[in-house]
């Protein structure tokens, strides 16, 4: 069980916890098929497609520090250029790689927030300090602002502005420092059990959110299906 006696803050991952990609794929923005031939794309072997996305993602791992949306755009232009080069049969032009990058960075509709976020987050903010700790890029903060959610989070830690990914301690410690709290005063929530266990190792309490997915390892960590169940857990 969660011991909420000394809890002052709740830290949330973003992706698959508070929001999800509207298309179902993080690297396929809303207008993806305006710039990529859908028939040709769907005819491709799925393994080749995922290999191309992975190749582009490897570029990000080599360039982890991205501080502004302009820098984010530049990196996504390179990402989609790599993707296009890996799948020449799609015939994606340099003009279209630019448009794909713009859609990925500047289109707020790329993310869809879960409905319970708009209900539960405002209520939790009345009792706890809230924070985001996410492996993401600078544009995420703008999406939160435009959705009317940024005001509820007292700290907003993004991997790209630190140059490291979870479960690196710097991600968690930056959030804790921003809230001026000790690890034992925080709960961390993520859909990735590795990150949750890393937070627990640092002294926080951790919860895995499932959002409909199954997780066999729920025997040694606390799991909830959604934010409503989290709220019920905290109320006990």
C-alpha atoms as a PDB file:
ATOM      1  CA  UNK A   1       0.000   0.000   0.000  1.00  0.00           C
ATOM      2  CA  UNK A   2       0.989   3.614  -0.510  1.00  0.00           C
ATOM      3  CA  UNK A   3       1.846   5.484   2.678  1.00  0.00           C
ATOM      4  CA  UNK A   4       0.567   9.004   2.027  1.00  0.00           C
ATOM      5  CA  UNK A   5       1.238  10.351   5.525  1.00  0.00           C
ATOM      6  CA  UNK A   6       4.339  12.328   4.516  1.00  0.00           C
ATOM      7  CA  UNK A   7       3.616  12.752   0.812  1.00  0.00           C
ATOM      8  CA  UNK A   8       3.837  16.328  -0.451  1.00  0.00           C
ATOM      9  CA  UNK A   9       4.195  15.806  -4.207  1.00  0.00           C
ATOM     10  CA  UNK A  10       3.264  13.528  -7.089  1.00  0.00           C
ATOM     11  CA  UNK A  11       5.507  13.282 -10.146  1.00  0.00           C
ATOM     12  CA  UNK A  12       4.075  12.020 -13.427  1.00  0.00           C
ATOM     13  CA  UNK A  13       5.570  10.703 -16.609  1.00  0.00           C
ATOM     14  CA  UNK A  14       3.728  12.185 -19.577  1.00  0.00           C
ATOM     15  CA  UNK A  15       3.486   9.686 -22.446  1.00  0.00           C
ATOM     16  CA  UNK A  16       0.964   6.869 -21.888  1.00  0.00           C
ATOM     17  CA  UNK A  17       0.309   8.333 -18.416  1.00  0.00           C
ATOM     18  CA  UNK A  18      -1.220  11.750 -19.105  1.00  0.00           C
ATOM     19  CA  UNK A  19      -1.367  11.665 -22.900  1.00  0.00           C
ATOM     20  CA  UNK A  20      -0.823   9.426 -25.903  1.00  0.00           C
ATOM     21  CA  UNK A  21       0.002   9.920 -29.593  1.00  0.00           C
ATOM     22  CA  UNK A  22      -3.205  10.654 -31.466  1.00  0.00           C
ATOM     23  CA  UNK A  23      -2.179   8.397 -34.366  1.00  0.00           C
ATOM     24  CA  UNK A  24      -0.977   5.619 -32.069  1.00  0.00           C
ATOM     25  CA  UNK A  25       2.682   6.177 -33.013  1.00  0.00           C
ATOM     26  CA  UNK A  26       4.944   8.842 -31.497  1.00  0.00           C
ATOM     27  CA  UNK A  27       6.679   9.528 -34.819  1.00  0.00           C
ATOM     28  CA  UNK A  28       3.593   9.648 -37.010  1.00  0.00           C
ATOM     29  CA  UNK A  29       2.102  13.135 -36.520  1.00  0.00           C
ATOM     30  CA  UNK A  30      -1.556  13.915 -37.375  1.00  0.00           C
ATOM     31  CA  UNK A  31      -0.850  14.848 -40.997  1.00  0.00           C
ATOM     32  CA  UNK A  32       1.652  12.064 -41.645  1.00  0.00           C
ATOM     33  CA  UNK A  33      -0.217  10.687 -44.658  1.00  0.00           C
ATOM     34  CA  UNK A  34      -0.426  14.082 -46.319  1.00  0.00           C
ATOM     35  CA  UNK A  35       3.312  13.762 -46.903  1.00  0.00           C
ATOM     36  CA  UNK A  36       3.714   9.973 -47.040  1.00  0.00           C
ATOM     37  CA  UNK A  37       1.855   7.849 -49.589  1.00  0.00           C
ATOM     38  CA  UNK A  38      -0.485   5.744 -47.440  1.00  0.00           C
ATOM     39  CA  UNK A  39      -0.816   2.867 -49.909  1.00  0.00           C
ATOM     40  CA  UNK A  40       2.942   2.551 -50.366  1.00  0.00           C
ATOM     41  CA  UNK A  41       3.476   2.848 -46.615  1.00  0.00           C
ATOM     42  CA  UNK A  42       0.956   0.106 -45.786  1.00  0.00           C
ATOM     43  CA  UNK A  43       2.478  -2.181 -48.413  1.00  0.00           C
ATOM     44  CA  UNK A  44       5.852  -2.067 -46.681  1.00  0.00           C
ATOM     45  CA  UNK A  45       7.029  -4.773 -44.316  1.00  0.00           C
ATOM     46  CA  UNK A  46       6.259  -3.542 -40.798  1.00  0.00           C
ATOM     47  CA  UNK A  47       9.699  -4.631 -39.589  1.00  0.00           C
ATOM     48  CA  UNK A  48      11.362  -2.432 -42.220  1.00  0.00           C
ATOM     49  CA  UNK A  49       9.199   0.517 -41.183  1.00  0.00           C
ATOM     50  CA  UNK A  50      10.022   0.101 -37.499  1.00  0.00           C
ATOM     51  CA  UNK A  51      13.700  -0.319 -38.387  1.00  0.00           C
ATOM     52  CA  UNK A  52      13.565   3.032 -40.203  1.00  0.00           C
ATOM     53  CA  UNK A  53      11.927   4.729 -37.209  1.00  0.00           C
ATOM     54  CA  UNK A  54      14.513   3.117 -34.932  1.00  0.00           C
ATOM     55  CA  UNK A  55      17.341   4.381 -37.139  1.00  0.00           C
ATOM     56  CA  UNK A  56      15.963   7.898 -36.819  1.00  0.00           C
ATOM     57  CA  UNK A  57      15.578   7.503 -33.087  1.00  0.00           C
ATOM     58  CA  UNK A  58      19.213   6.477 -32.798  1.00  0.00           C
ATOM     59  CA  UNK A  59      20.044   9.943 -34.082  1.00  0.00           C
ATOM     60  CA  UNK A  60      18.250  11.447 -31.081  1.00  0.00           C
ATOM     61  CA  UNK A  61      20.212   9.237 -28.706  1.00  0.00           C
ATOM     62  CA  UNK A  62      23.392  10.684 -30.188  1.00  0.00           C
ATOM     63  CA  UNK A  63      22.027  14.239 -29.792  1.00  0.00           C
ATOM     64  CA  UNK A  64      20.232  14.183 -26.429  1.00  0.00           C
ATOM     65  CA  UNK A  65      20.457  17.892 -25.579  1.00  0.00           C
ATOM     66  CA  UNK A  66      17.712  19.935 -27.293  1.00  0.00           C
ATOM     67  CA  UNK A  67      16.810  23.175 -25.571  1.00  0.00           C
ATOM     68  CA  UNK A  68      14.345  24.979 -27.832  1.00  0.00           C
ATOM     69  CA  UNK A  69      11.538  24.229 -30.260  1.00  0.00           C
ATOM     70  CA  UNK A  70      13.719  25.568 -33.093  1.00  0.00           C
ATOM     71  CA  UNK A  71      16.404  23.029 -32.195  1.00  0.00           C
ATOM     72  CA  UNK A  72      13.703  20.375 -31.921  1.00  0.00           C
ATOM     73  CA  UNK A  73      12.541  21.211 -35.452  1.00  0.00           C
ATOM     74  CA  UNK A  74      16.082  20.978 -36.800  1.00  0.00           C
ATOM     75  CA  UNK A  75      16.553  17.557 -35.223  1.00  0.00           C
ATOM     76  CA  UNK A  76      13.236  16.247 -36.511  1.00  0.00           C
ATOM     77  CA  UNK A  77      14.131  17.383 -40.024  1.00  0.00           C
ATOM     78  CA  UNK A  78      17.192  15.174 -39.714  1.00  0.00           C
ATOM     79  CA  UNK A  79      15.084  12.386 -38.181  1.00  0.00           C
ATOM     80  CA  UNK A  80      12.672  12.288 -41.119  1.00  0.00           C
ATOM     81  CA  UNK A  81      15.517  12.641 -43.600  1.00  0.00           C
ATOM     82  CA  UNK A  82      17.002   9.458 -42.128  1.00  0.00           C
ATOM     83  CA  UNK A  83      13.569   7.811 -42.216  1.00  0.00           C
ATOM     84  CA  UNK A  84      13.113   8.772 -45.886  1.00  0.00           C
ATOM     85  CA  UNK A  85      16.576   7.499 -46.800  1.00  0.00           C
ATOM     86  CA  UNK A  86      15.871   4.153 -45.114  1.00  0.00           C
ATOM     87  CA  UNK A  87      12.632   3.754 -47.095  1.00  0.00           C
ATOM     88  CA  UNK A  88      13.406   5.127 -50.576  1.00  0.00           C
ATOM     89  CA  UNK A  89      10.337   3.402 -52.037  1.00  0.00           C
ATOM     90  CA  UNK A  90       8.186   6.007 -50.303  1.00  0.00           C
ATOM     91  CA  UNK A  91       9.796   8.796 -52.328  1.00  0.00           C
ATOM     92  CA  UNK A  92       9.588  11.356 -49.495  1.00  0.00           C
ATOM     93  CA  UNK A  93      11.032  14.646 -50.742  1.00  0.00           C
ATOM     94  CA  UNK A  94      13.146  17.040 -48.680  1.00  0.00           C
ATOM     95  CA  UNK A  95      10.187  19.424 -48.745  1.00  0.00           C
ATOM     96  CA  UNK A  96       8.004  16.752 -47.184  1.00  0.00           C
ATOM     97  CA  UNK A  97      10.586  15.849 -44.527  1.00  0.00           C
ATOM     98  CA  UNK A  98      10.408  19.505 -43.475  1.00  0.00           C
ATOM     99  CA  UNK A  99       6.603  19.394 -43.356  1.00  0.00           C
ATOM    100  CA  UNK A 100       6.674  16.167 -41.332  1.00  0.00           C
ATOM    101  CA  UNK A 101       9.050  17.802 -38.867  1.00  0.00           C
ATOM    102  CA  UNK A 102       6.844  20.883 -38.588  1.00  0.00           C
ATOM    103  CA  UNK A 103       3.770  18.757 -37.986  1.00  0.00           C
ATOM    104  CA  UNK A 104       5.601  16.778 -35.311  1.00  0.00           C
ATOM    105  CA  UNK A 105       6.883  19.827 -33.452  1.00  0.00           C
ATOM    106  CA  UNK A 106       4.183  22.474 -33.870  1.00  0.00           C
ATOM    107  CA  UNK A 107       0.912  20.559 -34.148  1.00  0.00           C
ATOM    108  CA  UNK A 108      -0.602  20.332 -30.654  1.00  0.00           C
ATOM    109  CA  UNK A 109      -3.034  17.701 -31.935  1.00  0.00           C
ATOM    110  CA  UNK A 110      -0.143  15.222 -32.049  1.00  0.00           C
ATOM    111  CA  UNK A 111      -1.068  14.352 -28.459  1.00  0.00           C
ATOM    112  CA  UNK A 112      -4.394  13.363 -27.000  1.00  0.00           C
ATOM    113  CA  UNK A 113      -4.838  13.765 -23.249  1.00  0.00           C
ATOM    114  CA  UNK A 114      -6.750  11.085 -21.400  1.00  0.00           C
ATOM    115  CA  UNK A 115     -10.116  12.385 -20.236  1.00  0.00           C
ATOM    116  CA  UNK A 116      -9.411  11.679 -16.576  1.00  0.00           C
ATOM    117  CA  UNK A 117      -6.437  14.068 -16.699  1.00  0.00           C
ATOM    118  CA  UNK A 118      -8.717  17.093 -16.949  1.00  0.00           C
ATOM    119  CA  UNK A 119     -10.797  15.829 -14.030  1.00  0.00           C
ATOM    120  CA  UNK A 120      -8.254  14.394 -11.614  1.00  0.00           C
ATOM    121  CA  UNK A 121      -5.170  16.593 -12.048  1.00  0.00           C
ATOM    122  CA  UNK A 122      -6.915  19.821 -10.892  1.00  0.00           C
ATOM    123  CA  UNK A 123      -8.221  18.003  -7.809  1.00  0.00           C
ATOM    124  CA  UNK A 124      -4.830  16.488  -6.952  1.00  0.00           C
ATOM    125  CA  UNK A 125      -3.177  19.897  -7.314  1.00  0.00           C
ATOM    126  CA  UNK A 126      -5.293  21.142  -4.408  1.00  0.00           C
ATOM    127  CA  UNK A 127      -3.608  18.667  -2.059  1.00  0.00           C
ATOM    128  CA  UNK A 128      -0.166  17.987  -3.554  1.00  0.00           C
ATOM    129  CA  UNK A 129       2.550  19.685  -5.528  1.00  0.00           C
ATOM    130  CA  UNK A 130       2.574  18.138  -8.990  1.00  0.00           C
ATOM    131  CA  UNK A 131       5.386  17.675 -11.479  1.00  0.00           C
ATOM    132  CA  UNK A 132       6.096  16.168 -14.884  1.00  0.00           C
ATOM    133  CA  UNK A 133       9.210  14.048 -15.452  1.00  0.00           C
ATOM    134  CA  UNK A 134       9.248  12.933 -19.077  1.00  0.00           C
ATOM    135  CA  UNK A 135      11.541  11.671 -21.821  1.00  0.00           C
ATOM    136  CA  UNK A 136      10.486  14.241 -24.391  1.00  0.00           C
ATOM    137  CA  UNK A 137      11.279  17.437 -26.278  1.00  0.00           C
ATOM    138  CA  UNK A 138      10.616  21.149 -25.578  1.00  0.00           C
ATOM    139  CA  UNK A 139       7.315  21.354 -27.492  1.00  0.00           C
ATOM    140  CA  UNK A 140       5.587  19.204 -24.861  1.00  0.00           C
ATOM    141  CA  UNK A 141       5.444  22.118 -22.440  1.00  0.00           C
ATOM    142  CA  UNK A 142       3.655  24.263 -25.040  1.00  0.00           C
ATOM    143  CA  UNK A 143       1.123  21.471 -25.598  1.00  0.00           C
ATOM    144  CA  UNK A 144       0.407  21.400 -21.858  1.00  0.00           C
ATOM    145  CA  UNK A 145       0.012  25.187 -21.771  1.00  0.00           C
ATOM    146  CA  UNK A 146      -2.392  25.235 -24.706  1.00  0.00           C
ATOM    147  CA  UNK A 147      -4.414  22.404 -23.150  1.00  0.00           C
ATOM    148  CA  UNK A 148      -4.788  24.455 -19.957  1.00  0.00           C
ATOM    149  CA  UNK A 149      -2.835  21.921 -17.886  1.00  0.00           C
ATOM    150  CA  UNK A 150       0.612  23.451 -17.386  1.00  0.00           C
ATOM    151  CA  UNK A 151      -0.582  25.644 -14.493  1.00  0.00           C
ATOM    152  CA  UNK A 152      -1.182  22.574 -12.321  1.00  0.00           C
ATOM    153  CA  UNK A 153       2.460  21.421 -12.453  1.00  0.00           C
ATOM    154  CA  UNK A 154       5.006  23.187 -10.291  1.00  0.00           C
ATOM    155  CA  UNK A 155       7.944  21.581 -12.063  1.00  0.00           C
ATOM    156  CA  UNK A 156       8.312  20.334 -15.633  1.00  0.00           C
ATOM    157  CA  UNK A 157      11.393  18.206 -16.245  1.00  0.00           C
ATOM    158  CA  UNK A 158      12.148  17.142 -19.826  1.00  0.00           C
ATOM    159  CA  UNK A 159      14.965  14.819 -20.815  1.00  0.00           C
ATOM    160  CA  UNK A 160      16.020  16.916 -23.802  1.00  0.00           C
ATOM    161  CA  UNK A 161      16.808  19.953 -21.647  1.00  0.00           C
ATOM    162  CA  UNK A 162      18.989  17.858 -19.322  1.00  0.00           C
ATOM    163  CA  UNK A 163      20.580  15.610 -21.932  1.00  0.00           C
ATOM    164  CA  UNK A 164      19.704  12.371 -20.123  1.00  0.00           C
ATOM    165  CA  UNK A 165      16.794   9.911 -20.127  1.00  0.00           C
ATOM    166  CA  UNK A 166      15.003   8.155 -17.299  1.00  0.00           C
ATOM    167  CA  UNK A 167      15.919   6.238 -15.232  1.00  0.00           C
ATOM    168  CA  UNK A 168      18.912   8.581 -14.842  1.00  0.00           C
ATOM    169  CA  UNK A 169      18.927  10.041 -11.320  1.00  0.00           C
ATOM    170  CA  UNK A 170      19.284  13.582 -12.676  1.00  0.00           C
ATOM    171  CA  UNK A 171      15.747  13.450 -14.044  1.00  0.00           C
ATOM    172  CA  UNK A 172      14.246  12.635 -10.653  1.00  0.00           C
ATOM    173  CA  UNK A 173      16.576  14.805  -8.580  1.00  0.00           C
ATOM    174  CA  UNK A 174      15.911  17.845 -10.773  1.00  0.00           C
ATOM    175  CA  UNK A 175      12.178  17.476 -10.127  1.00  0.00           C
ATOM    176  CA  UNK A 176      12.670  16.986  -6.389  1.00  0.00           C
ATOM    177  CA  UNK A 177      14.944  20.030  -6.192  1.00  0.00           C
ATOM    178  CA  UNK A 178      12.434  22.091  -8.155  1.00  0.00           C
ATOM    179  CA  UNK A 179       9.758  21.237  -5.611  1.00  0.00           C
ATOM    180  CA  UNK A 180      12.145  21.548  -2.647  1.00  0.00           C
ATOM    181  CA  UNK A 181      11.164  18.160  -1.259  1.00  0.00           C
ATOM    182  CA  UNK A 182      12.902  14.951  -0.182  1.00  0.00           C
ATOM    183  CA  UNK A 183      12.485  11.673  -2.107  1.00  0.00           C
ATOM    184  CA  UNK A 184      10.388  10.135   0.659  1.00  0.00           C
ATOM    185  CA  UNK A 185       7.903  12.989   0.262  1.00  0.00           C
ATOM    186  CA  UNK A 186       7.114  12.102  -3.361  1.00  0.00           C
ATOM    187  CA  UNK A 187       5.226   9.512  -5.383  1.00  0.00           C
ATOM    188  CA  UNK A 188       6.382   8.815  -8.945  1.00  0.00           C
ATOM    189  CA  UNK A 189       3.991   7.458 -11.577  1.00  0.00           C
ATOM    190  CA  UNK A 190       5.072   5.969 -14.908  1.00  0.00           C
ATOM    191  CA  UNK A 191       3.916   3.314 -17.367  1.00  0.00           C
ATOM    192  CA  UNK A 192       7.454   1.873 -17.388  1.00  0.00           C
ATOM    193  CA  UNK A 193       8.222  -0.392 -14.426  1.00  0.00           C
ATOM    194  CA  UNK A 194      11.991   0.178 -14.836  1.00  0.00           C
ATOM    195  CA  UNK A 195      11.541   3.899 -14.206  1.00  0.00           C
ATOM    196  CA  UNK A 196       9.208   3.278 -11.269  1.00  0.00           C
ATOM    197  CA  UNK A 197      11.694   0.917  -9.639  1.00  0.00           C
ATOM    198  CA  UNK A 198      14.472   3.477 -10.164  1.00  0.00           C
ATOM    199  CA  UNK A 199      12.384   6.080  -8.344  1.00  0.00           C
ATOM    200  CA  UNK A 200      11.712   3.640  -5.513  1.00  0.00           C
ATOM    201  CA  UNK A 201      15.439   2.951  -5.257  1.00  0.00           C
ATOM    202  CA  UNK A 202      15.987   6.689  -4.761  1.00  0.00           C
ATOM    203  CA  UNK A 203      13.564   6.690  -1.847  1.00  0.00           C
ATOM    204  CA  UNK A 204      10.324   7.667  -3.518  1.00  0.00           C
ATOM    205  CA  UNK A 205       7.150   5.651  -3.586  1.00  0.00           C
ATOM    206  CA  UNK A 206       6.289   4.374  -7.048  1.00  0.00           C
ATOM    207  CA  UNK A 207       3.185   3.384  -8.962  1.00  0.00           C
ATOM    208  CA  UNK A 208       2.842   1.850 -12.422  1.00  0.00           C
ATOM    209  CA  UNK A 209      -0.131   3.088 -14.446  1.00  0.00           C
ATOM    210  CA  UNK A 210      -1.437   0.506 -16.885  1.00  0.00           C
ATOM    211  CA  UNK A 211      -3.926   2.367 -19.101  1.00  0.00           C
ATOM    212  CA  UNK A 212      -5.394  -0.947 -20.234  1.00  0.00           C
ATOM    213  CA  UNK A 213      -2.096  -2.792 -20.610  1.00  0.00           C
ATOM    214  CA  UNK A 214      -1.255  -5.910 -18.628  1.00  0.00           C
ATOM    215  CA  UNK A 215       1.827  -6.144 -16.458  1.00  0.00           C
ATOM    216  CA  UNK A 216       2.867  -9.418 -14.842  1.00  0.00           C
ATOM    217  CA  UNK A 217       5.280  -7.655 -12.502  1.00  0.00           C
ATOM    218  CA  UNK A 218       2.416  -6.009 -10.591  1.00  0.00           C
ATOM    219  CA  UNK A 219       3.165  -8.513  -7.846  1.00  0.00           C
ATOM    220  CA  UNK A 220       6.091  -6.428  -6.555  1.00  0.00           C
ATOM    221  CA  UNK A 221       4.915  -2.910  -7.433  1.00  0.00           C
ATOM    222  CA  UNK A 222       1.644  -1.057  -6.997  1.00  0.00           C
ATOM    223  CA  UNK A 223      -0.358  -0.731 -10.211  1.00  0.00           C
ATOM    224  CA  UNK A 224      -3.406   1.351 -11.110  1.00  0.00           C
ATOM    225  CA  UNK A 225      -5.404   1.370 -14.323  1.00  0.00           C
ATOM    226  CA  UNK A 226      -5.953   5.134 -14.535  1.00  0.00           C
ATOM    227  CA  UNK A 227      -5.891   8.416 -12.608  1.00  0.00           C
ATOM    228  CA  UNK A 228      -9.304   7.821 -11.072  1.00  0.00           C
ATOM    229  CA  UNK A 229      -7.982   4.637  -9.454  1.00  0.00           C
ATOM    230  CA  UNK A 230      -4.912   6.575  -8.317  1.00  0.00           C
ATOM    231  CA  UNK A 231      -7.150   9.161  -6.683  1.00  0.00           C
ATOM    232  CA  UNK A 232      -9.087   6.420  -4.901  1.00  0.00           C
ATOM    233  CA  UNK A 233      -5.835   4.860  -3.707  1.00  0.00           C
ATOM    234  CA  UNK A 234      -4.649   8.165  -2.273  1.00  0.00           C
ATOM    235  CA  UNK A 235      -7.962   8.681  -0.501  1.00  0.00           C
ATOM    236  CA  UNK A 236      -7.725   5.421   1.462  1.00  0.00           C
END
